[in-house]
Amino acid sequence: HIRQFMYYRGDNLKYLDGSPQAGSDYFRVLGAKFWYDGSPYSGSM
């Protein structure tokens, strides 16, 4: 009941196996999420 496009991080990068073309019309793993800095409101930007 919704289409999902995923970017994983950390230990879950193990799901980046194969290619982002794999999946279905409703679910695809696209790649990885990285952090360079943090939040403006914790002083970590």
All heavy atoms as atom14 arrays in JSON, in Angstrom:
{
  "sequence": "HIRQFMYYRGDNLKYLDGSPQAGSDYFRVLGAKFWYDGSPYSGSM",
  "atom14_mask": [
    [1, 1, 1, 1, 1, 1, 1, 1, 1, 1, 0, 0, 0, 0],
    [1, 1, 1, 1, 1, 1, 1, 1, 0, 0, 0, 0, 0, 0],
    [1, 1, 1, 1, 1, 1, 1, 1, 1, 1, 1, 0, 0, 0],
    [1, 1, 1, 1, 1, 1, 1, 1, 1, 0, 0, 0, 0, 0],
    [1, 1, 1, 1, 1, 1, 1, 1, 1, 1, 1, 0, 0, 0],
    [1, 1, 1, 1, 1, 1, 1, 1, 0, 0, 0, 0, 0, 0],
    [1, 1, 1, 1, 1, 1, 1, 1, 1, 1, 1, 1, 0, 0],
    [1, 1, 1, 1, 1, 1, 1, 1, 1, 1, 1, 1, 0, 0],
    [1, 1, 1, 1, 1, 1, 1, 1, 1, 1, 1, 0, 0, 0],
    [1, 1, 1, 1, 0, 0, 0, 0, 0, 0, 0, 0, 0, 0],
    [1, 1, 1, 1, 1, 1, 1, 1, 0, 0, 0, 0, 0, 0],
    [1, 1, 1, 1, 1, 1, 1, 1, 0, 0, 0, 0, 0, 0],
    [1, 1, 1, 1, 1, 1, 1, 1, 0, 0, 0, 0, 0, 0],
    [1, 1, 1, 1, 1, 1, 1, 1, 1, 0, 0, 0, 0, 0],
    [1, 1, 1, 1, 1, 1, 1, 1, 1, 1, 1, 1, 0, 0],
    [1, 1, 1, 1, 1, 1, 1, 1, 0, 0, 0, 0, 0, 0],
    [1, 1, 1, 1, 1, 1, 1, 1, 0, 0, 0, 0, 0, 0],
    [1, 1, 1, 1, 0, 0, 0, 0, 0, 0, 0, 0, 0, 0],
    [1, 1, 1, 1, 1, 1, 0, 0, 0, 0, 0, 0, 0, 0],
    [1, 1, 1, 1, 1, 1, 1, 0, 0, 0, 0, 0, 0, 0],
    [1, 1, 1, 1, 1, 1, 1, 1, 1, 0, 0, 0, 0, 0],
    [1, 1, 1, 1, 1, 0, 0, 0, 0, 0, 0, 0, 0, 0],
    [1, 1, 1, 1, 0, 0, 0, 0, 0, 0, 0, 0, 0, 0],
    [1, 1, 1, 1, 1, 1, 0, 0, 0, 0, 0, 0, 0, 0],
    [1, 1, 1, 1, 1, 1, 1, 1, 0, 0, 0, 0, 0, 0],
    [1, 1, 1, 1, 1, 1, 1, 1, 1, 1, 1, 1, 0, 0],
    [1, 1, 1, 1, 1, 1, 1, 1, 1, 1, 1, 0, 0, 0],
    [1, 1, 1, 1, 1, 1, 1, 1, 1, 1, 1, 0, 0, 0],
    [1, 1, 1, 1, 1, 1, 1, 0, 0, 0, 0, 0, 0, 0],
    [1, 1, 1, 1, 1, 1, 1, 1, 0, 0, 0, 0, 0, 0],
    [1, 1, 1, 1, 0, 0, 0, 0, 0, 0, 0, 0, 0, 0],
    [1, 1, 1, 1, 1, 0, 0, 0, 0, 0, 0, 0, 0, 0],
    [1, 1, 1, 1, 1, 1, 1, 1, 1, 0, 0, 0, 0, 0],
    [1, 1, 1, 1, 1, 1, 1, 1, 1, 1, 1, 0, 0, 0],
    [1, 1, 1, 1, 1, 1, 1, 1, 1, 1, 1, 1, 1, 1],
    [1, 1, 1, 1, 1, 1, 1, 1, 1, 1, 1, 1, 0, 0],
    [1, 1, 1, 1, 1, 1, 1, 1, 0, 0, 0, 0, 0, 0],
    [1, 1, 1, 1, 0, 0, 0, 0, 0, 0, 0, 0, 0, 0],
    [1, 1, 1, 1, 1, 1, 0, 0, 0, 0, 0, 0, 0, 0],
    [1, 1, 1, 1, 1, 1, 1, 0, 0, 0, 0, 0, 0, 0],
    [1, 1, 1, 1, 1, 1, 1, 1, 1, 1, 1, 1, 0, 0],
    [1, 1, 1, 1, 1, 1, 0, 0, 0, 0, 0, 0, 0, 0],
    [1, 1, 1, 1, 0, 0, 0, 0, 0, 0, 0, 0, 0, 0],
    [1, 1, 1, 1, 1, 1, 0, 0, 0, 0, 0, 0, 0, 0],
    [1, 1, 1, 1, 1, 1, 1, 1, 0, 0, 0, 0, 0, 0]
  ],
  "atom14_positions": [
    [[0.81, -1.22, 0.0], [0.0, 0.0, 0.0], [0.85, 1.27, 0.0], [0.33, 2.36, 0.18], [-1.02, 0.0, 1.13], [-0.47, 0.22, 2.51], [0.36, -0.68, 3.14], [-0.66, 1.22, 3.41], [0.66, -0.24, 4.34], [0.06, 0.91, 4.53], [0.0, 0.0, 0.0], [0.0, 0.0, 0.0], [0.0, 0.0, 0.0], [0.0, 0.0, 0.0]],
    [[2.17, 1.13, -0.27], [3.03, 2.29, -0.52], [4.3, 1.77, -1.19], [4.66, 0.6, -1.04], [3.36, 3.03, 0.8], [3.87, 4.45, 0.53], [4.36, 2.24, 1.64], [3.89, 5.34, 1.78], [0.0, 0.0, 0.0], [0.0, 0.0, 0.0], [0.0, 0.0, 0.0], [0.0, 0.0, 0.0], [0.0, 0.0, 0.0], [0.0, 0.0, 0.0]],
    [[4.96, 2.63, -1.96], [6.24, 2.27, -2.56], [7.35, 2.72, -1.61], [7.3, 3.81, -1.05], [6.42, 2.95, -3.92], [5.31, 2.61, -4.91], [5.57, 3.28, -6.27], [4.36, 3.27, -7.07], [3.94, 2.25, -7.83], [4.67, 1.16, -7.9], [2.81, 2.33, -8.51], [0.0, 0.0, 0.0], [0.0, 0.0, 0.0], [0.0, 0.0, 0.0]],
    [[8.37, 1.86, -1.44], [9.46, 2.16, -0.51], [10.81, 2.11, -1.24], [11.08, 1.17, -1.99], [9.49, 1.13, 0.62], [8.22, 1.1, 1.47], [8.31, 0.05, 2.53], [8.89, 0.27, 3.59], [7.75, -1.13, 2.27], [0.0, 0.0, 0.0], [0.0, 0.0, 0.0], [0.0, 0.0, 0.0], [0.0, 0.0, 0.0], [0.0, 0.0, 0.0]],
    [[11.63, 3.12, -0.97], [12.99, 3.21, -1.52], [13.94, 3.41, -0.34], [13.83, 4.39, 0.4], [13.09, 4.37, -2.51], [12.13, 4.25, -3.67], [10.88, 4.84, -3.61], [12.48, 3.52, -4.8], [9.99, 4.73, -4.67], [11.6, 3.41, -5.87], [10.35, 4.01, -5.8], [0.0, 0.0, 0.0], [0.0, 0.0, 0.0], [0.0, 0.0, 0.0]],
    [[14.88, 2.48, -0.16], [15.68, 2.43, 1.05], [17.15, 2.78, 0.82], [17.75, 2.35, -0.17], [15.63, 1.02, 1.64], [14.23, 0.5, 1.94], [13.42, 1.49, 3.2], [12.35, 0.28, 3.96], [0.0, 0.0, 0.0], [0.0, 0.0, 0.0], [0.0, 0.0, 0.0], [0.0, 0.0, 0.0], [0.0, 0.0, 0.0], [0.0, 0.0, 0.0]],
    [[17.69, 3.55, 1.76], [19.13, 3.75, 1.89], [19.51, 3.24, 3.28], [19.01, 3.75, 4.29], [19.51, 5.22, 1.78], [19.32, 5.83, 0.41], [18.06, 6.25, -0.02], [20.41, 6.02, -0.44], [17.88, 6.83, -1.27], [20.24, 6.61, -1.69], [18.97, 7.0, -2.1], [18.81, 7.57, -3.33], [0.0, 0.0, 0.0], [0.0, 0.0, 0.0]],
    [[20.41, 2.26, 3.34], [20.79, 1.67, 4.62], [22.08, 2.3, 5.15], [22.79, 3.01, 4.44], [20.94, 0.16, 4.48], [19.61, -0.56, 4.43], [19.01, -0.87, 3.21], [18.95, -0.91, 5.6], [17.78, -1.51, 3.16], [17.73, -1.56, 5.57], [17.14, -1.86, 4.35], [15.93, -2.49, 4.31], [0.0, 0.0, 0.0], [0.0, 0.0, 0.0]],
    [[22.38, 1.99, 6.42], [23.6, 2.51, 7.04], [24.12, 1.5, 8.05], [23.42, 0.55, 8.43], [23.35, 3.85, 7.73], [22.5, 3.75, 8.98], [22.39, 5.1, 9.7], [23.65, 5.55, 10.22], [24.07, 5.34, 11.45], [23.34, 4.65, 12.3], [25.24, 5.8, 11.85], [0.0, 0.0, 0.0], [0.0, 0.0, 0.0], [0.0, 0.0, 0.0]],
    [[25.37, 1.73, 8.5], [25.94, 0.93, 9.57], [25.96, -0.55, 9.25], [26.29, -0.97, 8.14], [0.0, 0.0, 0.0], [0.0, 0.0, 0.0], [0.0, 0.0, 0.0], [0.0, 0.0, 0.0], [0.0, 0.0, 0.0], [0.0, 0.0, 0.0], [0.0, 0.0, 0.0], [0.0, 0.0, 0.0], [0.0, 0.0, 0.0], [0.0, 0.0, 0.0]],
    [[25.57, -1.35, 10.23], [25.59, -2.8, 10.05], [24.66, -3.26, 8.94], [24.85, -4.33, 8.35], [25.2, -3.51, 11.36], [26.24, -3.32, 12.44], [27.38, -2.96, 12.1], [25.91, -3.53, 13.62], [0.0, 0.0, 0.0], [0.0, 0.0, 0.0], [0.0, 0.0, 0.0], [0.0, 0.0, 0.0], [0.0, 0.0, 0.0], [0.0, 0.0, 0.0]],
    [[23.65, -2.47, 8.66], [22.67, -2.86, 7.64], [23.15, -2.65, 6.21], [22.42, -2.94, 5.26], [21.34, -2.13, 7.86], [20.59, -2.67, 9.06], [20.72, -3.84, 9.4], [19.83, -1.81, 9.71], [0.0, 0.0, 0.0], [0.0, 0.0, 0.0], [0.0, 0.0, 0.0], [0.0, 0.0, 0.0], [0.0, 0.0, 0.0], [0.0, 0.0, 0.0]],
    [[24.38, -2.15, 6.05], [24.94, -2.06, 4.7], [25.13, -3.44, 4.08], [25.36, -3.55, 2.88], [26.27, -1.3, 4.73], [26.17, 0.2, 5.03], [27.56, 0.82, 5.05], [25.29, 0.92, 4.02], [0.0, 0.0, 0.0], [0.0, 0.0, 0.0], [0.0, 0.0, 0.0], [0.0, 0.0, 0.0], [0.0, 0.0, 0.0], [0.0, 0.0, 0.0]],
    [[25.0, -4.48, 4.88], [25.06, -5.84, 4.34], [23.94, -6.1, 3.34], [24.03, -7.02, 2.53], [24.97, -6.86, 5.48], [23.66, -6.82, 6.25], [23.7, -7.68, 7.5], [22.42, -7.58, 8.31], [22.48, -8.29, 9.58], [0.0, 0.0, 0.0], [0.0, 0.0, 0.0], [0.0, 0.0, 0.0], [0.0, 0.0, 0.0], [0.0, 0.0, 0.0]],
    [[22.89, -5.29, 3.39], [21.79, -5.48, 2.44], [22.12, -4.92, 1.06], [21.34, -5.09, 0.13], [20.51, -4.84, 2.98], [20.04, -5.46, 4.27], [19.9, -4.71, 5.42], [19.76, -6.83, 4.34], [19.49, -5.28, 6.61], [19.35, -7.41, 5.53], [19.21, -6.64, 6.66], [18.8, -7.21, 7.84], [0.0, 0.0, 0.0], [0.0, 0.0, 0.0]],
    [[23.25, -4.23, 0.92], [23.67, -3.72, -0.37], [24.44, -4.81, -1.1], [25.65, -4.76, -1.29], [24.52, -2.46, -0.22], [23.75, -1.15, -0.17], [22.81, -1.11, 1.01], [24.71, 0.04, -0.08], [0.0, 0.0, 0.0], [0.0, 0.0, 0.0], [0.0, 0.0, 0.0], [0.0, 0.0, 0.0], [0.0, 0.0, 0.0], [0.0, 0.0, 0.0]],
    [[23.7, -5.81, -1.5], [24.27, -6.96, -2.22], [23.56, -7.04, -3.56], [22.33, -6.98, -3.62], [24.05, -8.24, -1.41], [24.73, -9.44, -2.05], [25.7, -9.23, -2.8], [24.28, -10.57, -1.81], [0.0, 0.0, 0.0], [0.0, 0.0, 0.0], [0.0, 0.0, 0.0], [0.0, 0.0, 0.0], [0.0, 0.0, 0.0], [0.0, 0.0, 0.0]],
    [[24.33, -7.16, -4.61], [23.71, -7.16, -5.93], [23.7, -5.76, -6.5], [24.71, -5.06, -6.48], [0.0, 0.0, 0.0], [0.0, 0.0, 0.0], [0.0, 0.0, 0.0], [0.0, 0.0, 0.0], [0.0, 0.0, 0.0], [0.0, 0.0, 0.0], [0.0, 0.0, 0.0], [0.0, 0.0, 0.0], [0.0, 0.0, 0.0], [0.0, 0.0, 0.0]],
    [[22.55, -5.3, -6.99], [22.47, -3.97, -7.58], [21.14, -3.33, -7.22], [20.17, -4.02, -6.9], [22.6, -4.05, -9.11], [21.36, -4.42, -9.69], [0.0, 0.0, 0.0], [0.0, 0.0, 0.0], [0.0, 0.0, 0.0], [0.0, 0.0, 0.0], [0.0, 0.0, 0.0], [0.0, 0.0, 0.0], [0.0, 0.0, 0.0], [0.0, 0.0, 0.0]],
    [[21.06, -1.98, -7.28], [19.81, -1.3, -6.95], [18.7, -1.55, -7.96], [17.56, -1.19, -7.72], [20.2, 0.18, -6.9], [21.46, 0.28, -7.66], [22.15, -1.04, -7.53], [0.0, 0.0, 0.0], [0.0, 0.0, 0.0], [0.0, 0.0, 0.0], [0.0, 0.0, 0.0], [0.0, 0.0, 0.0], [0.0, 0.0, 0.0], [0.0, 0.0, 0.0]],
    [[19.03, -2.16, -9.1], [17.99, -2.49, -10.07], [17.13, -3.66, -9.59], [16.02, -3.86, -10.05], [18.6, -2.82, -11.43], [18.97, -1.59, -12.25], [20.05, -0.75, -11.6], [21.1, -1.26, -11.2], [19.8, 0.55, -11.48], [0.0, 0.0, 0.0], [0.0, 0.0, 0.0], [0.0, 0.0, 0.0], [0.0, 0.0, 0.0], [0.0, 0.0, 0.0]],
    [[17.67, -4.45, -8.66], [16.89, -5.56, -8.13], [15.78, -5.01, -7.25], [15.87, -3.93, -6.71], [17.8, -6.49, -7.32], [0.0, 0.0, 0.0], [0.0, 0.0, 0.0], [0.0, 0.0, 0.0], [0.0, 0.0, 0.0], [0.0, 0.0, 0.0], [0.0, 0.0, 0.0], [0.0, 0.0, 0.0], [0.0, 0.0, 0.0], [0.0, 0.0, 0.0]],
    [[14.72, -5.78, -7.09], [13.6, -5.33, -6.28], [12.32, -5.46, -7.07], [12.24, -6.23, -8.03], [0.0, 0.0, 0.0], [0.0, 0.0, 0.0], [0.0, 0.0, 0.0], [0.0, 0.0, 0.0], [0.0, 0.0, 0.0], [0.0, 0.0, 0.0], [0.0, 0.0, 0.0], [0.0, 0.0, 0.0], [0.0, 0.0, 0.0], [0.0, 0.0, 0.0]],
    [[11.33, -4.68, -6.68], [10.03, -4.76, -7.33], [9.52, -3.36, -7.63], [10.19, -2.37, -7.34], [9.03, -5.49, -6.41], [8.69, -4.65, -5.31], [0.0, 0.0, 0.0], [0.0, 0.0, 0.0], [0.0, 0.0, 0.0], [0.0, 0.0, 0.0], [0.0, 0.0, 0.0], [0.0, 0.0, 0.0], [0.0, 0.0, 0.0], [0.0, 0.0, 0.0]],
    [[8.32, -3.3, -8.18], [7.7, -1.99, -8.43], [7.43, -1.25, -7.13], [7.2, -0.04, -7.15], [6.38, -2.17, -9.17], [6.58, -2.52, -10.64], [7.72, -2.43, -11.12], [5.58, -2.89, -11.3], [0.0, 0.0, 0.0], [0.0, 0.0, 0.0], [0.0, 0.0, 0.0], [0.0, 0.0, 0.0], [0.0, 0.0, 0.0], [0.0, 0.0, 0.0]],
    [[7.42, -1.95, -6.0], [7.01, -1.35, -4.74], [8.12, -1.27, -3.7], [7.95, -0.63, -2.67], [5.83, -2.13, -4.15], [4.63, -2.15, -5.06], [4.4, -3.22, -5.93], [3.74, -1.08, -5.09], [3.31, -3.22, -6.78], [2.65, -1.08, -5.94], [2.44, -2.15, -6.79], [1.36, -2.14, -7.63], [0.0, 0.0, 0.0], [0.0, 0.0, 0.0]],
    [[9.25, -1.91, -3.95], [10.32, -1.9, -2.95], [11.67, -2.03, -3.63], [11.9, -2.96, -4.4], [10.14, -3.07, -1.96], [11.15, -3.04, -0.84], [10.85, -2.38, 0.33], [12.39, -3.63, -0.99], [11.79, -2.33, 1.37], [13.33, -3.58, 0.03], [13.02, -2.92, 1.21], [0.0, 0.0, 0.0], [0.0, 0.0, 0.0], [0.0, 0.0, 0.0]],
    [[12.57, -1.07, -3.33], [13.94, -1.16, -3.84], [14.92, -0.64, -2.8], [14.64, 0.37, -2.13], [14.1, -0.33, -5.12], [13.5, -0.99, -6.37], [13.59, -0.05, -7.55], [14.97, 0.32, -7.84], [15.31, 1.43, -8.51], [14.38, 2.26, -8.94], [16.58, 1.69, -8.75], [0.0, 0.0, 0.0], [0.0, 0.0, 0.0], [0.0, 0.0, 0.0]],
    [[16.03, -1.32, -2.67], [17.17, -0.81, -1.91], [18.04, -0.04, -2.89], [18.5, -0.59, -3.9], [17.96, -1.96, -1.26], [19.19, -1.41, -0.53], [17.07, -2.74, -0.3], [0.0, 0.0, 0.0], [0.0, 0.0, 0.0], [0.0, 0.0, 0.0], [0.0, 0.0, 0.0], [0.0, 0.0, 0.0], [0.0, 0.0, 0.0], [0.0, 0.0, 0.0]],
    [[18.29, 1.25, -2.59], [19.01, 2.11, -3.53], [20.47, 2.31, -3.17], [21.3, 2.52, -4.05], [18.32, 3.48, -3.61], [16.93, 3.51, -4.24], [16.4, 4.94, -4.25], [16.96, 2.95, -5.65], [0.0, 0.0, 0.0], [0.0, 0.0, 0.0], [0.0, 0.0, 0.0], [0.0, 0.0, 0.0], [0.0, 0.0, 0.0], [0.0, 0.0, 0.0]],
    [[20.79, 2.3, -1.86], [22.18, 2.58, -1.53], [22.37, 2.82, -0.06], [21.66, 2.24, 0.78], [0.0, 0.0, 0.0], [0.0, 0.0, 0.0], [0.0, 0.0, 0.0], [0.0, 0.0, 0.0], [0.0, 0.0, 0.0], [0.0, 0.0, 0.0], [0.0, 0.0, 0.0], [0.0, 0.0, 0.0], [0.0, 0.0, 0.0], [0.0, 0.0, 0.0]],
    [[23.32, 3.71, 0.28], [23.76, 3.91, 1.66], [23.53, 5.34, 2.09], [23.63, 6.29, 1.31], [25.24, 3.57, 1.8], [0.0, 0.0, 0.0], [0.0, 0.0, 0.0], [0.0, 0.0, 0.0], [0.0, 0.0, 0.0], [0.0, 0.0, 0.0], [0.0, 0.0, 0.0], [0.0, 0.0, 0.0], [0.0, 0.0, 0.0], [0.0, 0.0, 0.0]],
    [[23.23, 5.49, 3.39], [23.11, 6.8, 4.03], [24.36, 7.05, 4.86], [24.78, 6.19, 5.64], [21.86, 6.82, 4.92], [21.8, 7.96, 5.94], [21.43, 9.28, 5.29], [21.34, 10.41, 6.35], [20.2, 10.25, 7.26], [0.0, 0.0, 0.0], [0.0, 0.0, 0.0], [0.0, 0.0, 0.0], [0.0, 0.0, 0.0], [0.0, 0.0, 0.0]],
    [[24.95, 8.24, 4.71], [26.1, 8.64, 5.51], [25.78, 9.95, 6.24], [24.97, 10.74, 5.78], [27.34, 8.84, 4.63], [27.77, 7.6, 3.89], [27.77, 7.57, 2.49], [28.17, 6.47, 4.57], [28.16, 6.43, 1.8], [28.55, 5.32, 3.89], [28.55, 5.3, 2.5], [0.0, 0.0, 0.0], [0.0, 0.0, 0.0], [0.0, 0.0, 0.0]],
    [[26.43, 10.14, 7.37], [26.38, 11.42, 8.09], [27.74, 12.08, 7.99], [28.76, 11.44, 8.26], [26.08, 11.19, 9.57], [24.63, 11.16, 9.91], [23.84, 12.2, 10.32], [23.77, 10.02, 9.9], [22.56, 11.77, 10.55], [22.49, 10.44, 10.3], [23.97, 8.67, 9.58], [21.41, 9.57, 10.4], [22.91, 7.81, 9.67], [21.65, 8.26, 10.06]],
    [[27.76, 13.38, 7.63], [29.01, 14.13, 7.77], [28.98, 14.99, 9.02], [29.97, 15.08, 9.74], [29.29, 14.99, 6.53], [30.67, 15.61, 6.64], [31.8, 14.83, 6.48], [30.84, 16.95, 6.98], [33.08, 15.37, 6.64], [32.1, 17.5, 7.14], [33.22, 16.71, 6.97], [34.48, 17.23, 7.15], [0.0, 0.0, 0.0], [0.0, 0.0, 0.0]],
    [[27.85, 15.66, 9.28], [27.73, 16.42, 10.52], [26.42, 16.06, 11.2], [25.79, 15.05, 10.86], [27.89, 17.92, 10.3], [26.79, 18.56, 9.46], [26.0, 17.82, 8.83], [26.7, 19.81, 9.44], [0.0, 0.0, 0.0], [0.0, 0.0, 0.0], [0.0, 0.0, 0.0], [0.0, 0.0, 0.0], [0.0, 0.0, 0.0], [0.0, 0.0, 0.0]],
    [[26.0, 16.86, 12.19], [24.82, 16.52, 12.97], [23.74, 17.56, 12.9], [23.4, 18.06, 11.83], [0.0, 0.0, 0.0], [0.0, 0.0, 0.0], [0.0, 0.0, 0.0], [0.0, 0.0, 0.0], [0.0, 0.0, 0.0], [0.0, 0.0, 0.0], [0.0, 0.0, 0.0], [0.0, 0.0, 0.0], [0.0, 0.0, 0.0], [0.0, 0.0, 0.0]],
    [[23.19, 17.93, 14.06], [22.01, 18.79, 14.13], [22.38, 20.22, 14.49], [23.27, 20.44, 15.32], [21.04, 18.23, 15.17], [20.04, 19.18, 15.49], [0.0, 0.0, 0.0], [0.0, 0.0, 0.0], [0.0, 0.0, 0.0], [0.0, 0.0, 0.0], [0.0, 0.0, 0.0], [0.0, 0.0, 0.0], [0.0, 0.0, 0.0], [0.0, 0.0, 0.0]],
    [[21.65, 21.2, 13.94], [21.85, 22.59, 14.36], [21.53, 22.8, 15.83], [21.99, 23.78, 16.43], [20.86, 23.36, 13.48], [20.56, 22.47, 12.33], [20.66, 21.08, 12.86], [0.0, 0.0, 0.0], [0.0, 0.0, 0.0], [0.0, 0.0, 0.0], [0.0, 0.0, 0.0], [0.0, 0.0, 0.0], [0.0, 0.0, 0.0], [0.0, 0.0, 0.0]],
    [[20.73, 21.91, 16.43], [20.2, 22.15, 17.77], [20.87, 21.29, 18.84], [20.45, 21.29, 19.99], [18.68, 21.93, 17.75], [18.09, 22.56, 16.51], [17.57, 21.77, 15.49], [18.14, 23.94, 16.33], [17.09, 22.34, 14.33], [17.67, 24.52, 15.15], [17.15, 23.71, 14.16], [16.69, 24.28, 13.0], [0.0, 0.0, 0.0], [0.0, 0.0, 0.0]],
    [[21.92, 20.58, 18.44], [22.75, 19.88, 19.43], [24.18, 20.4, 19.38], [25.04, 19.91, 20.11], [22.74, 18.37, 19.15], [23.4, 18.07, 17.93], [0.0, 0.0, 0.0], [0.0, 0.0, 0.0], [0.0, 0.0, 0.0], [0.0, 0.0, 0.0], [0.0, 0.0, 0.0], [0.0, 0.0, 0.0], [0.0, 0.0, 0.0], [0.0, 0.0, 0.0]],
    [[24.43, 21.38, 18.51], [25.77, 21.93, 18.38], [26.7, 21.11, 17.52], [27.9, 21.37, 17.47], [0.0, 0.0, 0.0], [0.0, 0.0, 0.0], [0.0, 0.0, 0.0], [0.0, 0.0, 0.0], [0.0, 0.0, 0.0], [0.0, 0.0, 0.0], [0.0, 0.0, 0.0], [0.0, 0.0, 0.0], [0.0, 0.0, 0.0], [0.0, 0.0, 0.0]],
    [[26.13, 20.13, 16.8], [26.98, 19.23, 16.02], [26.94, 19.53, 14.52], [27.55, 18.81, 13.73], [26.57, 17.78, 16.27], [25.18, 17.59, 16.09], [0.0, 0.0, 0.0], [0.0, 0.0, 0.0], [0.0, 0.0, 0.0], [0.0, 0.0, 0.0], [0.0, 0.0, 0.0], [0.0, 0.0, 0.0], [0.0, 0.0, 0.0], [0.0, 0.0, 0.0]],
    [[26.23, 20.58, 14.1], [26.32, 21.05, 12.73], [27.67, 21.74, 12.53], [28.1, 22.55, 13.36], [25.17, 22.03, 12.46], [25.21, 22.71, 11.11], [23.71, 23.7, 10.78], [23.89, 25.04, 11.96], [0.0, 0.0, 0.0], [0.0, 0.0, 0.0], [0.0, 0.0, 0.0], [0.0, 0.0, 0.0], [0.0, 0.0, 0.0], [0.0, 0.0, 0.0]]
  ]
}
